């Protein structure tokens, strides 16, 4: 079940100790992941979320593996970015997808591949009925990823577009 593997990628769900190592920029995180971690990762948006993820997992250990998954290139044993959800499924069975790829690795289909694997995993879990996501109106690459994943645009608010994919 865990980790998830695709033809080019390995997705590793991060437990509390690993998220803490990543947040503290502890060199041991690379050993735990068995992959090199580029100095520009985690990017600022993720770095700001890590204390929140740490708090969630301290209060609710069952939130694993519904948060952070790292994306590793299996040939290079190198971290490319991350994918995950913003928490466990809610009462309606929805989980919110979030992701980011390091700029050097964009436009190669990695994010679609990683997100598709994670969505497939999520839909095999009890109670998950839909995947939701949001992206900035101006983020064309992210919009393309969501479209290629089969997600449907459901609305907008200001600069955000909202998406969903129902479990079939």
N, C-alpha and C. Protein backbone atom coordinates (compact mmCIF):
# COMPACT_ATOMS: atom_id res chain seq x y z
N UNK A 1 0.82 -1.19 0.00
CA UNK A 1 0.00 0.00 0.00
C UNK A 1 0.86 1.26 0.00
N UNK A 2 1.72 1.44 0.97
CA UNK A 2 2.58 2.62 1.04
C UNK A 2 4.03 2.15 0.94
N UNK A 3 4.89 2.82 0.26
CA UNK A 3 4.67 4.00 -0.57
C UNK A 3 3.97 3.63 -1.88
N UNK A 4 3.64 4.67 -2.65
CA UNK A 4 3.02 4.46 -3.96
C UNK A 4 4.10 4.56 -5.03
N UNK A 5 4.01 3.73 -6.05
CA UNK A 5 5.00 3.74 -7.12
C UNK A 5 4.31 3.86 -8.47
N UNK A 6 4.89 4.69 -9.34
CA UNK A 6 4.46 4.79 -10.73
C UNK A 6 5.65 4.37 -11.57
N UNK A 7 5.55 4.51 -12.86
CA UNK A 7 6.68 4.10 -13.72
C UNK A 7 7.92 4.94 -13.46
N UNK A 8 7.75 6.21 -13.08
CA UNK A 8 8.91 7.08 -12.88
C UNK A 8 9.07 7.60 -11.46
N UNK A 9 8.04 7.45 -10.66
CA UNK A 9 8.02 8.14 -9.37
C UNK A 9 7.75 7.22 -8.20
N UNK A 10 8.22 7.66 -7.05
CA UNK A 10 7.90 7.03 -5.78
C UNK A 10 7.28 8.13 -4.92
N UNK A 11 6.12 7.85 -4.35
CA UNK A 11 5.45 8.80 -3.47
C UNK A 11 5.52 8.24 -2.06
N UNK A 12 6.14 9.01 -1.17
CA UNK A 12 6.28 8.58 0.22
C UNK A 12 5.45 9.48 1.12
N UNK A 13 4.55 8.86 1.88
CA UNK A 13 3.76 9.60 2.87
C UNK A 13 4.66 9.93 4.05
N UNK A 14 4.55 11.15 4.55
CA UNK A 14 5.44 11.62 5.62
C UNK A 14 4.74 11.54 6.98
N UNK A 15 5.39 10.82 7.88
CA UNK A 15 4.92 10.75 9.26
C UNK A 15 5.46 11.96 10.04
N UNK A 16 4.97 12.14 11.24
CA UNK A 16 5.33 13.28 12.08
C UNK A 16 6.84 13.48 12.23
N UNK A 17 7.63 12.42 12.54
CA UNK A 17 9.07 12.66 12.69
C UNK A 17 9.73 13.20 11.41
N UNK A 18 9.30 12.68 10.26
CA UNK A 18 9.88 13.14 9.00
C UNK A 18 9.46 14.57 8.69
N UNK A 19 8.21 14.91 8.92
CA UNK A 19 7.76 16.28 8.69
C UNK A 19 8.55 17.24 9.59
N UNK A 20 8.79 16.82 10.81
CA UNK A 20 9.59 17.65 11.73
C UNK A 20 11.01 17.82 11.21
N UNK A 21 11.61 16.74 10.73
CA UNK A 21 12.97 16.82 10.15
C UNK A 21 12.98 17.78 8.96
N UNK A 22 11.98 17.68 8.11
CA UNK A 22 11.91 18.56 6.93
C UNK A 22 11.79 20.01 7.38
N UNK A 23 10.91 20.26 8.35
CA UNK A 23 10.71 21.62 8.83
C UNK A 23 12.00 22.20 9.42
N UNK A 24 12.71 21.38 10.17
CA UNK A 24 13.96 21.84 10.81
C UNK A 24 15.15 21.81 9.85
N UNK A 25 14.90 21.37 8.60
CA UNK A 25 15.95 21.23 7.59
C UNK A 25 17.09 20.33 8.10
N UNK A 26 16.68 19.28 8.80
CA UNK A 26 17.61 18.30 9.34
C UNK A 26 18.13 17.43 8.19
N UNK A 27 19.43 17.26 8.12
CA UNK A 27 20.03 16.47 7.05
C UNK A 27 19.58 15.00 7.09
N UNK A 28 19.10 14.56 8.23
CA UNK A 28 18.62 13.18 8.37
C UNK A 28 17.40 12.91 7.50
N UNK A 29 16.65 13.96 7.11
CA UNK A 29 15.46 13.76 6.28
C UNK A 29 15.81 13.07 4.97
N UNK A 30 16.94 13.43 4.38
CA UNK A 30 17.35 12.79 3.12
C UNK A 30 17.62 11.30 3.33
N UNK A 31 18.19 10.95 4.47
CA UNK A 31 18.44 9.54 4.78
C UNK A 31 17.12 8.81 4.96
N UNK A 32 16.20 9.42 5.66
CA UNK A 32 14.89 8.81 5.88
C UNK A 32 14.18 8.58 4.55
N UNK A 33 14.27 9.56 3.65
CA UNK A 33 13.61 9.46 2.35
C UNK A 33 14.38 8.61 1.35
N UNK A 34 15.64 8.35 1.63
CA UNK A 34 16.52 7.64 0.69
C UNK A 34 16.55 8.37 -0.64
N UNK A 35 16.65 9.71 -0.55
CA UNK A 35 16.67 10.55 -1.75
C UNK A 35 17.36 11.87 -1.42
N UNK A 36 17.96 12.45 -2.42
CA UNK A 36 18.56 13.77 -2.21
C UNK A 36 17.46 14.83 -2.17
N UNK A 37 17.66 15.82 -1.32
CA UNK A 37 16.70 16.91 -1.18
C UNK A 37 17.37 18.19 -1.68
N UNK A 38 16.84 18.80 -2.74
CA UNK A 38 17.44 20.03 -3.25
C UNK A 38 17.38 21.14 -2.19
N UNK A 39 18.36 22.03 -2.19
CA UNK A 39 18.39 23.09 -1.18
C UNK A 39 17.19 24.04 -1.25
N UNK A 40 16.55 24.14 -2.41
CA UNK A 40 15.40 25.04 -2.54
C UNK A 40 14.08 24.42 -2.05
N UNK A 41 14.14 23.20 -1.54
CA UNK A 41 12.94 22.54 -1.02
C UNK A 41 13.08 22.35 0.48
N UNK A 42 12.06 22.56 1.28
CA UNK A 42 10.72 22.93 0.88
C UNK A 42 10.62 24.40 0.48
N UNK A 43 9.75 24.64 -0.49
CA UNK A 43 9.50 26.01 -0.92
C UNK A 43 8.69 26.73 0.16
N UNK A 44 8.63 28.05 0.05
CA UNK A 44 8.06 28.89 1.11
C UNK A 44 6.63 28.51 1.49
N UNK A 45 5.77 28.22 0.51
CA UNK A 45 4.38 27.86 0.83
C UNK A 45 4.31 26.61 1.71
N UNK A 46 5.08 25.59 1.35
CA UNK A 46 5.09 24.37 2.14
C UNK A 46 5.74 24.61 3.49
N UNK A 47 6.83 25.34 3.51
CA UNK A 47 7.53 25.63 4.77
C UNK A 47 6.56 26.28 5.77
N UNK A 48 5.69 27.16 5.28
CA UNK A 48 4.71 27.81 6.15
C UNK A 48 3.65 26.83 6.66
N UNK A 49 3.34 25.78 5.88
CA UNK A 49 2.33 24.79 6.28
C UNK A 49 2.86 23.71 7.24
N UNK A 50 4.16 23.49 7.23
CA UNK A 50 4.71 22.38 8.03
C UNK A 50 4.37 22.46 9.51
N UNK A 51 4.45 23.63 10.18
CA UNK A 51 4.04 23.66 11.60
C UNK A 51 2.58 23.25 11.79
N UNK A 52 1.73 23.62 10.85
CA UNK A 52 0.32 23.22 10.91
C UNK A 52 0.20 21.70 10.79
N UNK A 53 0.92 21.10 9.85
CA UNK A 53 0.90 19.65 9.69
C UNK A 53 1.41 18.96 10.96
N UNK A 54 2.47 19.51 11.54
CA UNK A 54 3.02 18.94 12.78
C UNK A 54 1.96 18.98 13.88
N UNK A 55 1.29 20.10 14.03
CA UNK A 55 0.24 20.24 15.04
C UNK A 55 -0.91 19.27 14.80
N UNK A 56 -1.33 19.15 13.55
CA UNK A 56 -2.42 18.22 13.23
C UNK A 56 -2.03 16.80 13.63
N UNK A 57 -0.83 16.36 13.26
CA UNK A 57 -0.41 14.99 13.55
C UNK A 57 -0.18 14.76 15.04
N UNK A 58 0.22 15.79 15.76
CA UNK A 58 0.36 15.65 17.22
C UNK A 58 -1.00 15.45 17.87
N UNK A 59 -2.01 16.19 17.37
CA UNK A 59 -3.35 16.09 17.94
C UNK A 59 -4.14 14.90 17.41
N UNK A 60 -3.84 14.49 16.19
CA UNK A 60 -4.61 13.44 15.53
C UNK A 60 -3.68 12.55 14.70
N UNK A 61 -3.04 11.56 15.33
CA UNK A 61 -2.14 10.68 14.58
C UNK A 61 -2.81 9.98 13.39
N UNK A 62 -4.14 9.84 13.43
CA UNK A 62 -4.86 9.21 12.33
C UNK A 62 -4.89 10.09 11.08
N UNK A 63 -4.41 11.33 11.19
CA UNK A 63 -4.33 12.20 10.01
C UNK A 63 -3.26 11.70 9.03
N UNK A 64 -2.35 10.84 9.50
CA UNK A 64 -1.41 10.18 8.59
C UNK A 64 -2.19 9.09 7.88
N UNK A 65 -2.10 8.96 6.60
CA UNK A 65 -1.26 9.62 5.60
C UNK A 65 -1.98 10.68 4.77
N UNK A 66 -2.85 11.46 5.38
CA UNK A 66 -3.69 12.40 4.65
C UNK A 66 -3.08 13.78 4.49
N UNK A 67 -1.79 13.93 4.73
CA UNK A 67 -1.18 15.25 4.61
C UNK A 67 -0.11 15.25 3.52
N UNK A 68 1.13 15.23 3.90
CA UNK A 68 2.25 15.44 2.99
C UNK A 68 2.81 14.13 2.43
N UNK A 69 2.95 14.08 1.11
CA UNK A 69 3.63 13.00 0.41
C UNK A 69 4.72 13.65 -0.43
N UNK A 70 5.91 13.12 -0.40
CA UNK A 70 6.97 13.66 -1.24
C UNK A 70 7.05 12.85 -2.53
N UNK A 71 7.45 13.52 -3.59
CA UNK A 71 7.55 12.92 -4.91
C UNK A 71 9.04 12.73 -5.22
N UNK A 72 9.43 11.49 -5.47
CA UNK A 72 10.83 11.16 -5.70
C UNK A 72 10.99 10.54 -7.08
N UNK A 73 11.96 11.02 -7.83
CA UNK A 73 12.33 10.43 -9.12
C UNK A 73 13.08 9.14 -8.81
N UNK A 74 12.53 7.99 -9.25
CA UNK A 74 13.14 6.70 -8.89
C UNK A 74 14.50 6.49 -9.53
N UNK A 75 14.73 7.03 -10.73
CA UNK A 75 16.03 6.85 -11.38
C UNK A 75 17.11 7.69 -10.72
N UNK A 76 16.78 8.91 -10.36
CA UNK A 76 17.77 9.83 -9.80
C UNK A 76 17.79 9.83 -8.27
N UNK A 77 16.84 9.13 -7.63
CA UNK A 77 16.70 9.19 -6.17
C UNK A 77 16.74 10.63 -5.68
N UNK A 78 15.96 11.48 -6.34
CA UNK A 78 15.93 12.90 -6.02
C UNK A 78 14.50 13.36 -5.79
N UNK A 79 14.31 14.21 -4.81
CA UNK A 79 13.01 14.78 -4.51
C UNK A 79 12.65 15.83 -5.56
N UNK A 80 11.44 15.74 -6.10
CA UNK A 80 10.99 16.65 -7.15
C UNK A 80 9.96 17.66 -6.68
N UNK A 81 9.22 17.32 -5.63
CA UNK A 81 8.16 18.18 -5.13
C UNK A 81 7.31 17.41 -4.14
N UNK A 82 6.09 17.88 -3.95
CA UNK A 82 5.20 17.19 -3.01
C UNK A 82 3.76 17.23 -3.52
N UNK A 83 2.98 16.33 -2.97
CA UNK A 83 1.56 16.22 -3.26
C UNK A 83 0.91 15.75 -1.96
N UNK A 84 -0.35 15.95 -1.82
CA UNK A 84 -1.02 15.48 -0.61
C UNK A 84 -2.42 16.04 -0.51
N UNK A 85 -2.93 15.96 0.69
CA UNK A 85 -4.26 16.47 0.98
C UNK A 85 -4.15 17.42 2.16
N UNK A 86 -5.18 18.22 2.35
CA UNK A 86 -5.17 19.19 3.45
C UNK A 86 -5.73 18.60 4.73
N UNK A 87 -5.96 17.30 4.75
CA UNK A 87 -6.47 16.63 5.94
C UNK A 87 -7.24 15.38 5.57
N UNK A 88 -7.77 14.75 6.61
CA UNK A 88 -8.56 13.54 6.42
C UNK A 88 -9.87 13.84 5.70
N UNK A 89 -10.54 12.81 5.18
CA UNK A 89 -11.83 13.05 4.54
C UNK A 89 -12.82 13.70 5.51
N UNK A 90 -13.60 14.65 4.98
CA UNK A 90 -14.60 15.31 5.81
C UNK A 90 -15.87 14.46 5.87
N UNK A 91 -16.92 14.97 6.48
CA UNK A 91 -18.16 14.20 6.66
C UNK A 91 -18.82 13.83 5.35
N UNK A 92 -18.57 14.62 4.31
CA UNK A 92 -19.14 14.33 2.99
C UNK A 92 -18.23 13.42 2.16
N UNK A 93 -17.10 13.00 2.74
CA UNK A 93 -16.19 12.13 2.02
C UNK A 93 -15.27 12.86 1.06
N UNK A 94 -15.05 14.15 1.28
CA UNK A 94 -14.18 14.95 0.40
C UNK A 94 -12.81 15.13 1.03
N UNK A 95 -11.79 15.08 0.18
CA UNK A 95 -10.43 15.44 0.58
C UNK A 95 -9.93 16.47 -0.43
N UNK A 96 -9.16 17.44 0.07
CA UNK A 96 -8.68 18.51 -0.80
C UNK A 96 -7.24 18.26 -1.21
N UNK A 97 -7.02 18.16 -2.51
CA UNK A 97 -5.71 17.92 -3.10
C UNK A 97 -4.88 19.20 -3.10
N UNK A 98 -3.60 19.06 -2.79
CA UNK A 98 -2.67 20.18 -2.91
C UNK A 98 -1.34 19.62 -3.41
N UNK A 99 -0.57 20.46 -4.09
CA UNK A 99 0.68 19.97 -4.68
C UNK A 99 1.57 21.13 -5.10
N UNK A 100 2.83 20.80 -5.30
CA UNK A 100 3.80 21.75 -5.84
C UNK A 100 5.00 20.98 -6.37
N UNK A 101 5.48 21.42 -7.51
CA UNK A 101 6.66 20.82 -8.14
C UNK A 101 7.75 21.88 -8.19
N UNK A 102 8.98 21.46 -7.91
CA UNK A 102 10.09 22.39 -8.04
C UNK A 102 10.19 22.85 -9.50
N UNK A 103 10.50 24.13 -9.73
CA UNK A 103 10.49 24.68 -11.10
C UNK A 103 11.32 23.87 -12.10
N UNK A 104 12.44 23.34 -11.69
CA UNK A 104 13.31 22.59 -12.59
C UNK A 104 12.62 21.35 -13.18
N UNK A 105 11.62 20.83 -12.48
CA UNK A 105 10.99 19.57 -12.88
C UNK A 105 9.59 19.74 -13.46
N UNK A 106 9.18 20.97 -13.70
CA UNK A 106 7.85 21.23 -14.23
C UNK A 106 7.78 20.92 -15.73
N UNK A 107 6.56 20.76 -16.21
CA UNK A 107 6.28 20.52 -17.64
C UNK A 107 6.84 19.21 -18.16
N UNK A 108 6.91 18.22 -17.30
CA UNK A 108 7.37 16.88 -17.70
C UNK A 108 6.35 15.80 -17.37
N UNK A 109 5.17 16.23 -16.90
CA UNK A 109 4.12 15.27 -16.57
C UNK A 109 4.25 14.63 -15.20
N UNK A 110 5.25 15.04 -14.43
CA UNK A 110 5.44 14.42 -13.11
C UNK A 110 4.25 14.67 -12.18
N UNK A 111 3.75 15.91 -12.16
CA UNK A 111 2.68 16.21 -11.21
C UNK A 111 1.40 15.47 -11.57
N UNK A 112 1.08 15.40 -12.82
CA UNK A 112 -0.11 14.64 -13.21
C UNK A 112 0.04 13.17 -12.80
N UNK A 113 1.22 12.62 -13.02
CA UNK A 113 1.50 11.22 -12.68
C UNK A 113 1.38 11.00 -11.17
N UNK A 114 1.98 11.90 -10.40
CA UNK A 114 1.95 11.77 -8.93
C UNK A 114 0.53 11.96 -8.39
N UNK A 115 -0.14 13.01 -8.85
CA UNK A 115 -1.49 13.29 -8.35
C UNK A 115 -2.46 12.18 -8.74
N UNK A 116 -2.32 11.63 -9.94
CA UNK A 116 -3.19 10.53 -10.37
C UNK A 116 -3.00 9.32 -9.46
N UNK A 117 -1.77 9.01 -9.11
CA UNK A 117 -1.50 7.87 -8.22
C UNK A 117 -2.11 8.11 -6.84
N UNK A 118 -1.98 9.33 -6.33
CA UNK A 118 -2.52 9.63 -5.01
C UNK A 118 -4.05 9.63 -5.02
N UNK A 119 -4.64 10.15 -6.08
CA UNK A 119 -6.10 10.14 -6.20
C UNK A 119 -6.62 8.71 -6.27
N UNK A 120 -5.94 7.88 -7.04
CA UNK A 120 -6.33 6.47 -7.14
C UNK A 120 -6.27 5.80 -5.76
N UNK A 121 -5.21 6.08 -5.02
CA UNK A 121 -5.07 5.55 -3.66
C UNK A 121 -6.22 6.05 -2.79
N UNK A 122 -6.50 7.35 -2.85
CA UNK A 122 -7.55 7.94 -2.00
C UNK A 122 -8.90 7.31 -2.27
N UNK A 123 -9.23 7.10 -3.54
CA UNK A 123 -10.52 6.52 -3.87
C UNK A 123 -10.64 5.06 -3.45
N UNK A 124 -9.55 4.42 -3.12
CA UNK A 124 -9.61 3.05 -2.58
C UNK A 124 -9.80 3.05 -1.06
N UNK A 125 -9.77 4.22 -0.44
CA UNK A 125 -9.92 4.31 1.02
C UNK A 125 -11.40 4.44 1.37
N UNK A 126 -11.80 3.88 2.51
CA UNK A 126 -13.20 3.98 2.92
C UNK A 126 -13.63 5.44 3.07
N UNK A 127 -14.82 5.72 2.69
CA UNK A 127 -15.48 7.01 2.90
C UNK A 127 -15.04 8.12 1.96
N UNK A 128 -14.09 7.90 1.07
CA UNK A 128 -13.69 8.97 0.16
C UNK A 128 -14.61 8.93 -1.06
N UNK A 129 -15.37 10.02 -1.23
CA UNK A 129 -16.31 10.10 -2.34
C UNK A 129 -15.89 11.10 -3.40
N UNK A 130 -15.12 12.12 -2.98
CA UNK A 130 -14.69 13.10 -3.97
C UNK A 130 -13.39 13.77 -3.56
N UNK A 131 -12.67 14.20 -4.60
CA UNK A 131 -11.44 14.96 -4.43
C UNK A 131 -11.79 16.39 -4.86
N UNK A 132 -11.41 17.35 -4.05
CA UNK A 132 -11.61 18.74 -4.42
C UNK A 132 -10.25 19.41 -4.50
N UNK A 133 -10.21 20.54 -5.19
CA UNK A 133 -8.96 21.30 -5.31
C UNK A 133 -9.32 22.74 -5.63
N UNK A 134 -8.34 23.60 -5.44
CA UNK A 134 -8.48 24.99 -5.84
C UNK A 134 -7.16 25.44 -6.44
N UNK A 135 -7.25 26.39 -7.35
CA UNK A 135 -6.04 26.97 -7.91
C UNK A 135 -6.32 28.41 -8.33
N UNK A 136 -5.27 29.16 -8.41
CA UNK A 136 -5.37 30.54 -8.84
C UNK A 136 -5.77 30.59 -10.31
N UNK A 137 -6.63 31.52 -10.65
CA UNK A 137 -7.10 31.69 -12.03
C UNK A 137 -5.92 31.83 -13.00
N UNK A 138 -4.86 32.47 -12.57
CA UNK A 138 -3.72 32.73 -13.45
C UNK A 138 -2.74 31.56 -13.54
N UNK A 139 -2.93 30.52 -12.73
CA UNK A 139 -2.00 29.39 -12.72
C UNK A 139 -2.41 28.37 -13.79
N UNK A 140 -2.07 28.68 -15.01
CA UNK A 140 -2.45 27.84 -16.16
C UNK A 140 -1.88 26.42 -16.03
N UNK A 141 -0.60 26.23 -15.65
CA UNK A 141 -0.10 24.85 -15.53
C UNK A 141 -0.90 24.01 -14.52
N UNK A 142 -1.26 24.61 -13.39
CA UNK A 142 -2.04 23.87 -12.40
C UNK A 142 -3.43 23.56 -12.94
N UNK A 143 -4.02 24.49 -13.64
CA UNK A 143 -5.33 24.24 -14.24
C UNK A 143 -5.26 23.07 -15.22
N UNK A 144 -4.18 23.01 -16.01
CA UNK A 144 -4.01 21.90 -16.96
C UNK A 144 -3.86 20.57 -16.24
N UNK A 145 -3.11 20.56 -15.13
CA UNK A 145 -2.97 19.32 -14.36
C UNK A 145 -4.34 18.86 -13.89
N UNK A 146 -5.11 19.76 -13.30
CA UNK A 146 -6.42 19.38 -12.78
C UNK A 146 -7.34 18.89 -13.89
N UNK A 147 -7.29 19.53 -15.05
CA UNK A 147 -8.10 19.08 -16.19
C UNK A 147 -7.68 17.69 -16.64
N UNK A 148 -6.37 17.45 -16.74
CA UNK A 148 -5.87 16.14 -17.18
C UNK A 148 -6.19 15.04 -16.18
N UNK A 149 -6.38 15.42 -14.92
CA UNK A 149 -6.77 14.45 -13.91
C UNK A 149 -8.26 14.11 -13.99
N UNK A 150 -8.97 14.81 -14.86
CA UNK A 150 -10.40 14.57 -15.02
C UNK A 150 -11.26 15.38 -14.09
N UNK A 151 -10.67 16.34 -13.39
CA UNK A 151 -11.43 17.16 -12.46
C UNK A 151 -12.28 18.16 -13.23
N UNK A 152 -13.42 18.49 -12.67
CA UNK A 152 -14.35 19.44 -13.27
C UNK A 152 -14.32 20.74 -12.49
N UNK A 153 -14.27 21.85 -13.21
CA UNK A 153 -14.33 23.15 -12.56
C UNK A 153 -15.75 23.34 -12.02
N UNK A 154 -15.87 23.72 -10.74
CA UNK A 154 -17.19 23.83 -10.12
C UNK A 154 -17.57 25.26 -9.76
N UNK A 155 -16.64 26.20 -9.87
CA UNK A 155 -16.96 27.57 -9.53
C UNK A 155 -15.70 28.38 -9.29
N UNK A 156 -15.92 29.61 -8.85
CA UNK A 156 -14.79 30.48 -8.56
C UNK A 156 -15.19 31.49 -7.49
N UNK A 157 -14.19 32.05 -6.86
CA UNK A 157 -14.37 33.12 -5.88
C UNK A 157 -13.15 34.00 -5.97
N UNK A 158 -13.33 35.21 -6.44
CA UNK A 158 -12.19 36.10 -6.62
C UNK A 158 -11.22 35.51 -7.61
N UNK A 159 -9.99 35.30 -7.18
CA UNK A 159 -8.94 34.77 -8.04
C UNK A 159 -8.80 33.25 -7.97
N UNK A 160 -9.69 32.57 -7.24
CA UNK A 160 -9.60 31.12 -7.08
C UNK A 160 -10.65 30.38 -7.91
N UNK A 161 -10.20 29.31 -8.52
CA UNK A 161 -11.09 28.38 -9.21
C UNK A 161 -11.22 27.13 -8.34
N UNK A 162 -12.41 26.55 -8.30
CA UNK A 162 -12.67 25.35 -7.50
C UNK A 162 -12.96 24.17 -8.43
N UNK A 163 -12.46 23.00 -8.02
CA UNK A 163 -12.53 21.80 -8.86
C UNK A 163 -12.99 20.62 -8.01
N UNK A 164 -13.54 19.59 -8.69
CA UNK A 164 -13.87 18.35 -7.99
C UNK A 164 -13.81 17.17 -8.95
N UNK A 165 -13.60 16.01 -8.36
CA UNK A 165 -13.62 14.74 -9.07
C UNK A 165 -14.36 13.76 -8.18
N UNK A 166 -15.43 13.17 -8.70
CA UNK A 166 -16.24 12.24 -7.93
C UNK A 166 -15.71 10.82 -8.08
N UNK A 167 -15.82 10.04 -7.02
CA UNK A 167 -15.45 8.62 -7.07
C UNK A 167 -16.53 7.87 -7.81
N UNK A 168 -16.11 7.08 -8.76
CA UNK A 168 -17.09 6.35 -9.59
C UNK A 168 -17.34 4.98 -9.09
